Amino acid sequence: MDLSLLWYALSALLMIIGLAGTIYPALPGLGLLAAGMLLAAWTGDFSHIGLWPLLTISILAVIGMVIESLAGLLGAKKTGASREALIGSFIGGLLGMFLGLIGAIAGPIIGAVAGELKARRNLPQAGRVGVGTFVGFLAGTVAKIASAFAMLAVFAFALIF
C-alpha cells in the first residue's frame, strides 16, 4: 500500500502548524515548519527538494529561532536591565508558555519588570525594561515570520525548479 499521500498530508499539517507557531509563541513554529518540509522531501525521495534546499531551510530555521530567543533579552538589555530582570524575563517566558498566548507574551514582560523591581526598586526603570522586553519580543516575532517566509520561498523554489 502506498502511503505517500498520508505522508504528504502529514507534512502539510506540520507546515500549517509551524506557520501558526510563528505567531503563537508557545509552539516551535520554525522547527515544525522545517520538519514538515523535510518529511515532504523524504516522501518525494528527495527528487525535488535535495540537500541544498534542506540545508538552507535548516539554517534559516536556526537563525530565526536564535534571533527570536535573543530579541526579548536584547530589548531588555538595551534599556539597561539588571541581571535579575534578564533572569526574570527568562523565567517568566518559561512559565508563560503554559498559560496560552497571553501568558507567552506577558510572562517575559512581567518577569523582567519583577526582576528589575527586585534589583533596583525603581518603578520607572522597571517600566522601561518591560517596554524594552515587549519591543524585543515583537522584533523577534517579526524575525521569526521573516524566516518562515524565507523557508517557504526556498521550499517553493526547489519544488518549481
Protein backbone atom coordinates (compact mmCIF):
# COMPACT_ATOMS: atom_id res chain seq x y z
CA MET A 1 0.00 0.00 0.00
CA ASP A 2 1.37 3.40 -0.99
CA LEU A 3 1.34 5.76 2.00
CA SER A 4 2.84 8.75 0.21
CA LEU A 5 -0.45 10.66 0.24
CA LEU A 6 -0.65 10.20 4.01
CA TRP A 7 2.96 11.39 4.44
CA TYR A 8 2.33 14.43 2.24
CA ALA A 9 -0.81 15.24 4.26
CA LEU A 10 1.18 14.94 7.50
CA SER A 11 3.93 17.16 6.12
CA ALA A 12 1.34 19.77 5.09
CA LEU A 13 -0.20 19.60 8.56
CA LEU A 14 3.22 20.09 10.16
CA MET A 15 3.87 23.08 7.92
CA ILE A 16 0.49 24.64 8.74
CA ILE A 17 1.02 24.16 12.48
CA GLY A 18 4.55 25.51 12.04
CA LEU A 19 3.20 28.64 10.36
CA ALA A 20 0.73 29.08 13.21
CA GLY A 21 3.65 28.69 15.59
CA THR A 22 5.38 31.69 14.08
CA ILE A 23 2.61 33.81 15.58
CA TYR A 24 1.73 31.72 18.63
CA PRO A 25 4.86 31.85 20.81
CA ALA A 26 4.27 28.58 22.67
CA LEU A 27 4.63 26.44 19.53
CA PRO A 28 8.05 25.68 17.99
CA GLY A 29 6.92 27.13 14.68
CA LEU A 30 10.12 27.14 12.66
CA GLY A 31 11.08 23.66 13.83
CA LEU A 32 7.69 22.24 12.86
CA LEU A 33 7.80 24.05 9.52
CA ALA A 34 11.25 22.63 8.77
CA ALA A 35 10.15 19.15 9.89
CA GLY A 36 7.17 19.30 7.53
CA MET A 37 9.42 20.31 4.67
CA LEU A 38 11.89 17.53 5.48
CA LEU A 39 9.05 14.98 5.59
CA ALA A 40 7.77 16.20 2.21
CA ALA A 41 11.28 15.93 0.76
CA TRP A 42 11.70 12.42 2.16
CA THR A 43 8.30 11.36 0.86
CA GLY A 44 9.33 12.53 -2.61
CA ASP A 45 12.65 10.64 -2.34
CA PHE A 46 14.47 13.99 -2.28
CA SER A 47 13.92 14.28 -6.05
CA HIS A 48 12.73 17.91 -5.95
CA ILE A 49 13.94 19.02 -2.55
CA GLY A 50 17.53 17.96 -2.14
CA LEU A 51 20.44 18.63 0.16
CA TRP A 52 21.00 22.33 -0.56
CA PRO A 53 17.40 23.48 -0.17
CA LEU A 54 17.06 21.43 3.03
CA LEU A 55 20.36 22.80 4.37
CA THR A 56 19.23 26.35 3.55
CA ILE A 57 15.85 25.75 5.21
CA SER A 58 17.57 24.37 8.31
CA ILE A 59 19.96 27.32 8.55
CA LEU A 60 17.06 29.79 8.18
CA ALA A 61 15.14 27.95 10.91
CA VAL A 62 18.10 28.05 13.31
CA ILE A 63 18.78 31.73 12.59
CA GLY A 64 15.12 32.59 13.17
CA MET A 65 14.99 30.64 16.45
CA VAL A 66 18.21 32.23 17.74
CA ILE A 67 17.03 35.73 16.89
CA GLU A 68 13.66 35.07 18.47
CA SER A 69 15.28 33.75 21.64
CA LEU A 70 17.67 36.66 21.99
CA ALA A 71 15.39 39.51 20.89
CA GLY A 72 13.47 39.91 24.14
CA LEU A 73 16.64 39.77 26.20
CA LEU A 74 18.35 42.27 23.92
CA GLY A 75 15.36 44.59 24.10
CA ALA A 76 15.52 44.48 27.90
CA LYS A 77 19.31 44.86 27.90
CA LYS A 78 19.05 47.90 25.61
CA THR A 79 17.01 49.68 28.29
CA GLY A 80 19.65 48.99 30.94
CA ALA A 81 18.03 45.95 32.52
CA SER A 82 19.68 44.37 35.52
CA ARG A 83 20.82 40.76 35.64
CA GLU A 84 17.77 39.98 37.77
CA ALA A 85 15.47 41.44 35.10
CA LEU A 86 17.04 39.26 32.43
CA ILE A 87 16.67 36.17 34.63
CA GLY A 88 13.09 37.21 35.43
CA SER A 89 12.32 37.58 31.72
CA PHE A 90 13.67 34.09 31.04
CA ILE A 91 11.72 32.51 33.91
CA GLY A 92 8.57 34.44 33.00
CA GLY A 93 8.89 33.22 29.43
CA LEU A 94 9.15 29.61 30.56
CA LEU A 95 6.18 29.87 32.89
CA GLY A 96 4.14 31.91 30.43
CA MET A 97 4.37 29.21 27.77
CA PHE A 98 1.97 27.09 29.80
CA LEU A 99 -0.60 29.87 30.13
CA GLY A 100 -1.57 30.29 26.50
CA LEU A 101 -0.95 33.19 24.15
CA ILE A 102 -1.37 35.92 26.77
CA GLY A 103 0.97 34.12 29.16
CA ALA A 104 3.57 33.60 26.46
CA ILE A 105 3.59 37.34 25.73
CA ALA A 106 3.07 38.71 29.25
CA GLY A 107 5.28 36.19 31.09
CA PRO A 108 8.65 37.58 29.98
CA ILE A 109 7.48 41.16 30.47
CA ILE A 110 6.16 40.54 33.98
CA GLY A 111 9.29 38.56 34.83
CA ALA A 112 11.56 41.34 33.59
CA VAL A 113 9.64 44.02 35.49
CA ALA A 114 9.61 41.92 38.68
CA GLY A 115 13.33 41.22 38.39
CA GLU A 116 14.11 44.89 37.81
CA LEU A 117 11.95 45.93 40.77
CA LYS A 118 13.74 43.39 42.95
CA ALA A 119 17.16 44.61 41.82
CA ARG A 120 16.67 48.38 41.83
CA ARG A 121 13.23 49.11 43.32
CA ASN A 122 12.79 51.77 40.65
CA LEU A 123 9.35 51.68 39.05
CA PRO A 124 10.10 53.96 36.05
CA GLN A 125 13.19 51.88 35.18
CA ALA A 126 11.22 48.66 35.60
CA GLY A 127 8.59 50.07 33.23
CA ARG A 128 11.27 50.88 30.64
CA VAL A 129 12.64 47.35 30.95
CA GLY A 130 9.14 45.93 30.46
CA VAL A 131 8.61 48.03 27.33
CA GLY A 132 12.07 47.05 26.03
CA THR A 133 11.25 43.38 26.59
CA PHE A 134 7.98 43.75 24.69
CA VAL A 135 9.64 45.60 21.79
CA GLY A 136 12.28 42.86 21.68
CA PHE A 137 9.54 40.22 21.66
CA LEU A 138 7.87 41.97 18.71
CA ALA A 139 11.18 42.21 16.84
CA GLY A 140 11.82 38.52 17.48
CA THR A 141 8.35 37.64 16.17
CA VAL A 142 8.94 39.67 13.01
CA ALA A 143 12.30 37.91 12.51
CA LYS A 144 10.63 34.53 13.04
CA ILE A 145 7.91 35.33 10.49
CA ALA A 146 10.52 36.56 8.01
CA SER A 147 12.47 33.32 8.48
CA ALA A 148 9.29 31.29 7.89
CA PHE A 149 8.55 33.11 4.64
CA ALA A 150 12.16 32.70 3.50
CA MET A 151 11.91 28.97 4.28
CA LEU A 152 8.68 28.75 2.28
CA ALA A 153 10.31 30.58 -0.63
CA VAL A 154 13.27 28.17 -0.69
CA PHE A 155 10.88 25.21 -0.49
CA ALA A 156 8.64 26.53 -3.28
CA PHE A 157 11.62 27.42 -5.47
CA ALA A 158 13.03 23.89 -5.05
CA LEU A 159 9.66 22.37 -5.95
CA ILE A 160 9.15 24.52 -9.03
CA PHE A 161 12.66 24.42 -10.43
